[in-house]
C-alpha atoms as a PDB file:
ATOM      1  CA  MET A   1      71.243   5.726  63.320  1.00  0.00           C
ATOM      2  CA  ARG A   2      68.041   4.756  65.105  1.00  0.00           C
ATOM      3  CA  PHE A   3      64.926   3.039  63.750  1.00  0.00           C
ATOM      4  CA  ASP A   4      61.683   2.880  65.712  1.00  0.00           C
ATOM      5  CA  VAL A   5      59.402   0.204  64.278  1.00  0.00           C
ATOM      6  CA  PHE A   6      55.702   0.077  65.138  1.00  0.00           C
ATOM      7  CA  THR A   7      54.061  -3.283  64.490  1.00  0.00           C
ATOM      8  CA  LEU A   8      51.467  -5.772  65.698  1.00  0.00           C
ATOM      9  CA  PHE A   9      54.005  -8.601  65.354  1.00  0.00           C
ATOM     10  CA  PRO A  10      57.299  -7.574  67.014  1.00  0.00           C
ATOM     11  CA  GLU A  11      58.541 -11.174  67.201  1.00  0.00           C
ATOM     12  CA  ILE A  12      59.175 -11.115  63.447  1.00  0.00           C
ATOM     13  CA  PHE A  13      62.152  -8.761  63.782  1.00  0.00           C
ATOM     14  CA  PRO A  14      64.787 -10.246  66.166  1.00  0.00           C
ATOM     15  CA  PRO A  15      65.763 -13.296  64.050  1.00  0.00           C
ATOM     16  CA  TYR A  16      66.778 -11.115  61.104  1.00  0.00           C
ATOM     17  CA  LEU A  17      68.261  -8.263  63.107  1.00  0.00           C
ATOM     18  CA  ASP A  18      70.469 -10.684  65.062  1.00  0.00           C
ATOM     19  CA  GLU A  19      72.370 -11.937  62.016  1.00  0.00           C
ATOM     20  CA  SER A  20      75.181 -10.804  59.737  1.00  0.00           C
ATOM     21  CA  ILE A  21      75.672  -7.132  58.854  1.00  0.00           C
ATOM     22  CA  LEU A  22      72.764  -5.831  60.907  1.00  0.00           C
ATOM     23  CA  LYS A  23      73.992  -7.640  64.003  1.00  0.00           C
ATOM     24  CA  ARG A  24      77.518  -6.262  63.571  1.00  0.00           C
ATOM     25  CA  ALA A  25      76.224  -2.742  62.939  1.00  0.00           C
ATOM     26  CA  ARG A  26      74.251  -2.902  66.177  1.00  0.00           C
ATOM     27  CA  GLN A  27      77.246  -4.265  68.098  1.00  0.00           C
ATOM     28  CA  GLN A  28      79.333  -1.370  66.757  1.00  0.00           C
ATOM     29  CA  ASN A  29      76.650   1.120  67.842  1.00  0.00           C
ATOM     30  CA  LEU A  30      76.137   2.203  64.245  1.00  0.00           C
ATOM     31  CA  LEU A  31      72.527   1.058  64.323  1.00  0.00           C
ATOM     32  CA  GLU A  32      69.739   0.970  66.890  1.00  0.00           C
ATOM     33  CA  VAL A  33      66.439  -0.753  66.164  1.00  0.00           C
ATOM     34  CA  HIS A  34      63.645  -0.397  68.713  1.00  0.00           C
ATOM     35  CA  VAL A  35      60.555  -2.466  67.963  1.00  0.00           C
ATOM     36  CA  HIS A  36      57.310  -1.303  69.582  1.00  0.00           C
ATOM     37  CA  ASN A  37      54.157  -3.392  69.893  1.00  0.00           C
ATOM     38  CA  ILE A  38      51.140  -1.299  68.948  1.00  0.00           C
ATOM     39  CA  ARG A  39      48.955  -3.580  71.102  1.00  0.00           C
ATOM     40  CA  ASP A  40      50.723  -2.262  74.194  1.00  0.00           C
ATOM     41  CA  HIS A  41      49.017   1.074  73.607  1.00  0.00           C
ATOM     42  CA  THR A  42      45.427  -0.127  73.482  1.00  0.00           C
ATOM     43  CA  THR A  43      43.020   0.693  76.322  1.00  0.00           C
ATOM     44  CA  ASP A  44      40.553  -2.197  76.282  1.00  0.00           C
ATOM     45  CA  LYS A  45      41.005  -5.614  77.904  1.00  0.00           C
ATOM     46  CA  HIS A  46      41.125  -7.389  74.536  1.00  0.00           C
ATOM     47  CA  HIS A  47      43.901  -5.126  73.172  1.00  0.00           C
ATOM     48  CA  THR A  48      41.847  -4.397  70.078  1.00  0.00           C
ATOM     49  CA  THR A  49      43.787  -2.843  67.196  1.00  0.00           C
ATOM     50  CA  ASP A  50      41.370  -3.337  64.279  1.00  0.00           C
ATOM     51  CA  ASP A  51      37.688  -2.984  63.445  1.00  0.00           C
ATOM     52  CA  THR A  52      35.280  -3.402  60.525  1.00  0.00           C
ATOM     53  CA  PRO A  53      35.370  -0.723  57.819  1.00  0.00           C
ATOM     54  CA  TYR A  54      32.716   1.979  57.650  1.00  0.00           C
ATOM     55  CA  GLY A  55      30.680   1.605  54.483  1.00  0.00           C
ATOM     56  CA  GLY A  56      31.021  -2.167  54.438  1.00  0.00           C
ATOM     57  CA  GLY A  57      33.441  -4.386  52.575  1.00  0.00           C
ATOM     58  CA  GLY A  58      35.709  -7.253  53.448  1.00  0.00           C
ATOM     59  CA  GLY A  59      38.650  -7.290  55.797  1.00  0.00           C
ATOM     60  CA  MET A  60      39.500  -5.331  58.911  1.00  0.00           C
ATOM     61  CA  VAL A  61      41.033  -1.877  59.293  1.00  0.00           C
ATOM     62  CA  MET A  62      43.693  -0.883  61.824  1.00  0.00           C
ATOM     63  CA  LYS A  63      42.245   1.593  64.321  1.00  0.00           C
ATOM     64  CA  PRO A  64      43.775   5.075  64.645  1.00  0.00           C
ATOM     65  CA  GLU A  65      43.800   5.336  68.460  1.00  0.00           C
ATOM     66  CA  PRO A  66      46.486   2.737  69.295  1.00  0.00           C
ATOM     67  CA  ILE A  67      48.661   3.812  66.376  1.00  0.00           C
ATOM     68  CA  PHE A  68      48.639   7.474  67.387  1.00  0.00           C
ATOM     69  CA  ALA A  69      49.135   6.516  71.043  1.00  0.00           C
ATOM     70  CA  ALA A  70      52.094   4.256  70.265  1.00  0.00           C
ATOM     71  CA  VAL A  71      53.890   6.697  67.975  1.00  0.00           C
ATOM     72  CA  GLU A  72      53.312   9.732  70.184  1.00  0.00           C
ATOM     73  CA  ALA A  73      54.349   7.883  73.337  1.00  0.00           C
ATOM     74  CA  ILE A  74      57.729   7.102  71.776  1.00  0.00           C
ATOM     75  CA  LEU A  75      58.304  10.044  69.446  1.00  0.00           C
ATOM     76  CA  GLY A  76      56.225  12.842  70.951  1.00  0.00           C
ATOM     77  CA  ALA A  77      53.479  14.927  69.382  1.00  0.00           C
ATOM     78  CA  PRO A  78      54.218  15.891  66.730  1.00  0.00           C
ATOM     79  CA  PRO A  79      56.729  13.056  66.131  1.00  0.00           C
ATOM     80  CA  ALA A  80      60.363  14.058  66.454  1.00  0.00           C
ATOM     81  CA  CYS A  81      61.418  12.258  63.249  1.00  0.00           C
ATOM     82  CA  PRO A  82      59.967  11.155  59.895  1.00  0.00           C
ATOM     83  CA  VAL A  83      57.263   8.478  60.179  1.00  0.00           C
ATOM     84  CA  ILE A  84      57.179   6.167  57.170  1.00  0.00           C
ATOM     85  CA  LEU A  85      54.256   3.913  56.367  1.00  0.00           C
ATOM     86  CA  LEU A  86      55.125   0.693  54.519  1.00  0.00           C
ATOM     87  CA  THR A  87      52.321   0.332  51.986  1.00  0.00           C
ATOM     88  CA  PRO A  88      51.756  -0.736  48.355  1.00  0.00           C
ATOM     89  CA  GLN A  89      50.488   2.813  47.797  1.00  0.00           C
ATOM     90  CA  GLY A  90      53.872   4.363  48.639  1.00  0.00           C
ATOM     91  CA  ARG A  91      56.642   5.569  46.380  1.00  0.00           C
ATOM     92  CA  PRO A  92      58.710   2.648  45.048  1.00  0.00           C
ATOM     93  CA  PHE A  93      61.738   2.043  47.256  1.00  0.00           C
ATOM     94  CA  THR A  94      65.020   2.538  45.416  1.00  0.00           C
ATOM     95  CA  GLN A  95      68.714   2.837  46.205  1.00  0.00           C
ATOM     96  CA  ARG A  96      68.338   6.602  45.889  1.00  0.00           C
ATOM     97  CA  ILE A  97      65.635   6.618  48.556  1.00  0.00           C
ATOM     98  CA  ALA A  98      67.786   4.371  50.755  1.00  0.00           C
ATOM     99  CA  ALA A  99      70.585   6.954  50.526  1.00  0.00           C
ATOM    100  CA  GLU A 100      68.105   9.729  51.297  1.00  0.00           C
ATOM    101  CA  LEU A 101      66.924   7.913  54.424  1.00  0.00           C
ATOM    102  CA  ALA A 102      70.474   7.045  55.500  1.00  0.00           C
ATOM    103  CA  ALA A 103      71.117  10.762  55.948  1.00  0.00           C
ATOM    104  CA  GLN A 104      68.530  10.892  58.733  1.00  0.00           C
ATOM    105  CA  PRO A 105      69.654  10.284  62.332  1.00  0.00           C
ATOM    106  CA  ARG A 106      66.326   8.673  63.240  1.00  0.00           C
ATOM    107  CA  LEU A 107      63.401   7.145  61.367  1.00  0.00           C
ATOM    108  CA  ALA A 108      60.102   5.558  62.381  1.00  0.00           C
ATOM    109  CA  LEU A 109      58.569   2.731  60.348  1.00  0.00           C
ATOM    110  CA  LEU A 110      54.877   1.920  60.654  1.00  0.00           C
ATOM    111  CA  CYS A 111      53.871  -1.585  59.560  1.00  0.00           C
ATOM    112  CA  GLY A 112      50.357  -1.904  58.228  1.00  0.00           C
ATOM    113  CA  ARG A 113      48.269  -5.085  58.479  1.00  0.00           C
ATOM    114  CA  TYR A 114      44.904  -6.463  57.451  1.00  0.00           C
ATOM    115  CA  GLU A 115      42.942  -4.460  54.871  1.00  0.00           C
ATOM    116  CA  GLY A 116      44.869  -1.304  55.735  1.00  0.00           C
ATOM    117  CA  ILE A 117      44.991   1.540  58.245  1.00  0.00           C
ATOM    118  CA  ASP A 118      42.458   4.218  59.112  1.00  0.00           C
ATOM    119  CA  GLU A 119      42.967   7.055  56.625  1.00  0.00           C
ATOM    120  CA  ARG A 120      43.389   9.576  59.441  1.00  0.00           C
ATOM    121  CA  VAL A 121      46.732   7.959  60.276  1.00  0.00           C
ATOM    122  CA  ARG A 122      47.838   8.534  56.688  1.00  0.00           C
ATOM    123  CA  GLN A 123      46.590  12.118  56.691  1.00  0.00           C
ATOM    124  CA  HIS A 124      47.735  13.333  60.104  1.00  0.00           C
ATOM    125  CA  LEU A 125      50.587  11.162  61.409  1.00  0.00           C
ATOM    126  CA  ILE A 126      52.828   9.722  58.749  1.00  0.00           C
ATOM    127  CA  THR A 127      55.205  11.871  56.699  1.00  0.00           C
ATOM    128  CA  ASP A 128      56.135   9.442  53.921  1.00  0.00           C
ATOM    129  CA  GLN A 129      54.945   6.227  52.282  1.00  0.00           C
ATOM    130  CA  VAL A 130      57.222   3.566  50.819  1.00  0.00           C
ATOM    131  CA  SER A 131      56.470   0.455  48.776  1.00  0.00           C
ATOM    132  CA  LEU A 132      58.717  -2.474  47.861  1.00  0.00           C
ATOM    133  CA  GLY A 133      56.922  -2.852  44.546  1.00  0.00           C
ATOM    134  CA  ASP A 134      53.660  -3.375  42.760  1.00  0.00           C
ATOM    135  CA  PHE A 135      52.535  -6.367  44.789  1.00  0.00           C
ATOM    136  CA  VAL A 136      50.761  -6.940  48.088  1.00  0.00           C
ATOM    137  CA  LEU A 137      52.225  -8.606  51.185  1.00  0.00           C
ATOM    138  CA  THR A 138      50.486  -9.736  54.357  1.00  0.00           C
ATOM    139  CA  GLY A 139      51.948  -6.839  56.318  1.00  0.00           C
ATOM    140  CA  GLY A 140      54.601  -4.148  56.454  1.00  0.00           C
ATOM    141  CA  GLU A 141      57.122  -6.113  58.515  1.00  0.00           C
ATOM    142  CA  LEU A 142      59.102  -7.579  55.606  1.00  0.00           C
ATOM    143  CA  PRO A 143      59.262  -4.195  53.828  1.00  0.00           C
ATOM    144  CA  ALA A 144      60.407  -2.589  57.091  1.00  0.00           C
ATOM    145  CA  LEU A 145      63.246  -5.094  57.390  1.00  0.00           C
ATOM    146  CA  ALA A 146      64.173  -4.479  53.761  1.00  0.00           C
ATOM    147  CA  VAL A 147      64.359  -0.733  54.388  1.00  0.00           C
ATOM    148  CA  ILE A 148      66.452  -1.203  57.533  1.00  0.00           C
ATOM    149  CA  ASP A 149      68.808  -3.559  55.694  1.00  0.00           C
ATOM    150  CA  ALA A 150      69.258  -1.320  52.637  1.00  0.00           C
ATOM    151  CA  VAL A 151      69.793   1.817  54.725  1.00  0.00           C
ATOM    152  CA  THR A 152      72.205   0.140  57.146  1.00  0.00           C
ATOM    153  CA  ARG A 153      74.486  -0.955  54.287  1.00  0.00           C
ATOM    154  CA  LEU A 154      75.002   2.727  53.490  1.00  0.00           C
ATOM    155  CA  LEU A 155      76.080   3.736  56.991  1.00  0.00           C
ATOM    156  CA  PRO A 156      79.832   4.414  57.195  1.00  0.00           C
ATOM    157  CA  GLY A 157      81.561   1.427  58.777  1.00  0.00           C
ATOM    158  CA  ALA A 158      78.646  -0.989  58.420  1.00  0.00           C
ATOM    159  CA  LEU A 159      80.302  -3.045  55.684  1.00  0.00           C
ATOM    160  CA  GLY A 160      83.684  -4.712  55.947  1.00  0.00           C
ATOM    161  CA  ASP A 161      84.615  -3.295  52.530  1.00  0.00           C
ATOM    162  CA  PRO A 162      84.311   0.498  52.680  1.00  0.00           C
ATOM    163  CA  THR A 163      83.587   0.618  48.925  1.00  0.00           C
ATOM    164  CA  GLY A 164      81.188  -2.333  48.980  1.00  0.00           C
ATOM    165  CA  ALA A 165      77.975  -0.315  48.943  1.00  0.00           C
ATOM    166  CA  ALA A 166      79.226   1.855  46.094  1.00  0.00           C
ATOM    167  CA  ASP A 167      79.768  -1.246  43.950  1.00  0.00           C
ATOM    168  CA  ASP A 168      76.334  -2.754  44.562  1.00  0.00           C
ATOM    169  CA  SER A 169      73.713  -3.011  41.851  1.00  0.00           C
ATOM    170  CA  HIS A 170      71.763   0.269  41.513  1.00  0.00           C
ATOM    171  CA  ALA A 171      74.288   2.247  43.580  1.00  0.00           C
ATOM    172  CA  SER A 172      75.738   3.683  40.366  1.00  0.00           C
ATOM    173  CA  GLY A 173      72.464   3.504  38.467  1.00  0.00           C
ATOM    174  CA  LEU A 174      73.570   0.249  36.801  1.00  0.00           C
ATOM    175  CA  LEU A 175      73.464  -3.439  37.631  1.00  0.00           C
ATOM    176  CA  GLU A 176      76.622  -4.827  39.202  1.00  0.00           C
ATOM    177  CA  TYR A 177      79.271  -6.652  37.175  1.00  0.00           C
ATOM    178  CA  PRO A 178      79.717 -10.448  37.559  1.00  0.00           C
ATOM    179  CA  HIS A 179      81.827 -11.857  40.400  1.00  0.00           C
ATOM    180  CA  TYR A 180      84.110 -14.895  40.503  1.00  0.00           C
ATOM    181  CA  THR A 181      86.145 -16.635  43.213  1.00  0.00           C
ATOM    182  CA  ARG A 182      88.252 -19.776  43.607  1.00  0.00           C
ATOM    183  CA  PRO A 183      88.679 -22.222  41.977  1.00  0.00           C
ATOM    184  CA  PRO A 184      89.829 -20.559  38.740  1.00  0.00           C
ATOM    185  CA  GLU A 185      88.162 -23.379  36.790  1.00  0.00           C
ATOM    186  CA  PHE A 186      85.039 -25.280  37.822  1.00  0.00           C
ATOM    187  CA  ARG A 187      83.551 -28.115  35.763  1.00  0.00           C
ATOM    188  CA  GLY A 188      85.426 -26.840  32.770  1.00  0.00           C
ATOM    189  CA  TRP A 189      84.168 -23.290  33.197  1.00  0.00           C
ATOM    190  CA  PRO A 190      87.124 -20.898  33.633  1.00  0.00           C
ATOM    191  CA  ILE A 191      86.954 -17.384  35.003  1.00  0.00           C
ATOM    192  CA  PRO A 192      87.724 -14.554  32.510  1.00  0.00           C
ATOM    193  CA  ASP A 193      91.458 -14.202  31.906  1.00  0.00           C
ATOM    194  CA  ILE A 194      91.348 -10.460  32.569  1.00  0.00           C
ATOM    195  CA  LEU A 195      90.715 -11.104  36.270  1.00  0.00           C
ATOM    196  CA  LEU A 196      94.043 -12.917  36.564  1.00  0.00           C
ATOM    197  CA  SER A 197      96.014 -10.273  34.659  1.00  0.00           C
ATOM    198  CA  GLY A 198      96.884  -8.043  37.595  1.00  0.00           C
ATOM    199  CA  ASN A 199      96.122  -5.022  35.387  1.00  0.00           C
ATOM    200  CA  HIS A 200      93.701  -3.183  37.641  1.00  0.00           C
ATOM    201  CA  ALA A 201      92.919  -0.430  35.145  1.00  0.00           C
ATOM    202  CA  GLU A 202      91.872  -3.009  32.561  1.00  0.00           C
ATOM    203  CA  ILE A 203      89.958  -4.986  35.185  1.00  0.00           C
ATOM    204  CA  ASP A 204      88.045  -1.822  36.139  1.00  0.00           C
ATOM    205  CA  ARG A 205      87.300  -1.170  32.464  1.00  0.00           C
ATOM    206  CA  TRP A 206      86.108  -4.763  31.953  1.00  0.00           C
ATOM    207  CA  ARG A 207      83.885  -4.556  35.014  1.00  0.00           C
ATOM    208  CA  ARG A 208      82.341  -1.310  33.827  1.00  0.00           C
ATOM    209  CA  GLN A 209      81.624  -2.807  30.421  1.00  0.00           C
ATOM    210  CA  GLN A 210      80.142  -5.917  31.992  1.00  0.00           C
ATOM    211  CA  SER A 211      77.931  -3.729  34.161  1.00  0.00           C
ATOM    212  CA  LEU A 212      76.743  -1.802  31.111  1.00  0.00           C
ATOM    213  CA  GLU A 213      76.121  -4.984  29.142  1.00  0.00           C
ATOM    214  CA  ARG A 214      74.220  -6.657  31.974  1.00  0.00           C
ATOM    215  CA  THR A 215      72.075  -3.561  32.515  1.00  0.00           C
ATOM    216  CA  LEU A 216      71.276  -3.333  28.796  1.00  0.00           C
ATOM    217  CA  ARG A 217      70.288  -6.996  28.715  1.00  0.00           C
ATOM    218  CA  GLN A 218      68.346  -7.237  31.995  1.00  0.00           C
ATOM    219  CA  ARG A 219      67.206  -3.710  32.953  1.00  0.00           C
ATOM    220  CA  PRO A 220      67.513  -1.416  29.907  1.00  0.00           C
ATOM    221  CA  ASP A 221      65.118   1.032  31.550  1.00  0.00           C
ATOM    222  CA  LEU A 222      67.856   2.001  34.008  1.00  0.00           C
ATOM    223  CA  LEU A 223      70.053   3.390  31.225  1.00  0.00           C
ATOM    224  CA  ALA A 224      67.684   6.316  30.724  1.00  0.00           C
ATOM    225  CA  THR A 225      68.704   7.822  34.078  1.00  0.00           C
ATOM    226  CA  ALA A 226      72.143   6.275  34.725  1.00  0.00           C
ATOM    227  CA  PRO A 227      75.123   8.689  34.773  1.00  0.00           C
ATOM    228  CA  LEU A 228      76.825   7.529  31.569  1.00  0.00           C
ATOM    229  CA  THR A 229      80.136   8.796  30.223  1.00  0.00           C
ATOM    230  CA  ALA A 230      80.882   9.274  26.541  1.00  0.00           C
ATOM    231  CA  GLU A 231      82.911   6.049  26.693  1.00  0.00           C
ATOM    232  CA  ASP A 232      79.947   4.237  28.250  1.00  0.00           C
ATOM    233  CA  ARG A 233      77.649   5.419  25.487  1.00  0.00           C
ATOM    234  CA  ALA A 234      80.112   4.443  22.782  1.00  0.00           C
ATOM    235  CA  TYR A 235      80.389   0.931  24.232  1.00  0.00           C
ATOM    236  CA  LEU A 236      76.622   0.570  24.531  1.00  0.00           C
ATOM    237  CA  HIS A 237      76.229   1.576  20.892  1.00  0.00           C
ATOM    238  CA  THR A 238      78.512  -1.314  19.917  1.00  0.00           C
ATOM    239  CA  LEU A 239      76.006  -3.576  21.677  1.00  0.00           C
ATOM    240  CA  GLY A 240      73.090  -2.180  19.699  1.00  0.00           C
ATOM    241  CA  TRP A 241      71.722   0.213  22.323  1.00  0.00           C
ATOM    242  CA  PRO A 242      69.042   2.431  20.756  1.00  0.00           C
ATOM    243  CA  GLU A 243      69.802   5.506  22.865  1.00  0.00           C
ATOM    244  CA  ASP A 244      66.774   7.395  21.628  1.00  0.00           C
END
């Protein structure tokens, strides 16, 4: 899979992309990330990429010309793949959207800065808008890295454990069950006996129940859309879940 990232601050990306899972995915040719500096596509000697907003107001607005020039130089006109703007105005990014994007062979990510981008970019260039949540960051670079990370985890072969992504929180619509490792007792706190039983069917059942319980306690809103079995619902009712 290939990502093309368009940004005013390309130096932000290499430190994160050169570590851990993303680094291995790139080494295995599962992932390509090409970072493009929008400033390289300006035409004035000062490499101007922003200007004051029409109508007044504070802040600066990213100009349309260098953005269109950068994207079309790399992706063609019209662009040969989806172009996603990282913005607080976008649809909230979820595991479902990550899976949707992972099915694409190529994606472009446009990182906003300053007060925002010229509306003509939103109207005539981008094809989607994604937000990390109801808060505002300095720019779209961190959200872009988050999208790349979440999508890469879903690519076949990217994780050492082939079932790892399926077990993650939100992958099944629920929060993930608790994990334990050695030592079996730490400061007087033992791990649950079931994990030492060797009974994998019972361990799977315990993990499912723990996932349900944790979701009910921490994110009950997720239960409204999670794919629950009759056994799941029966267990949740024992915990006081008001299904209606």
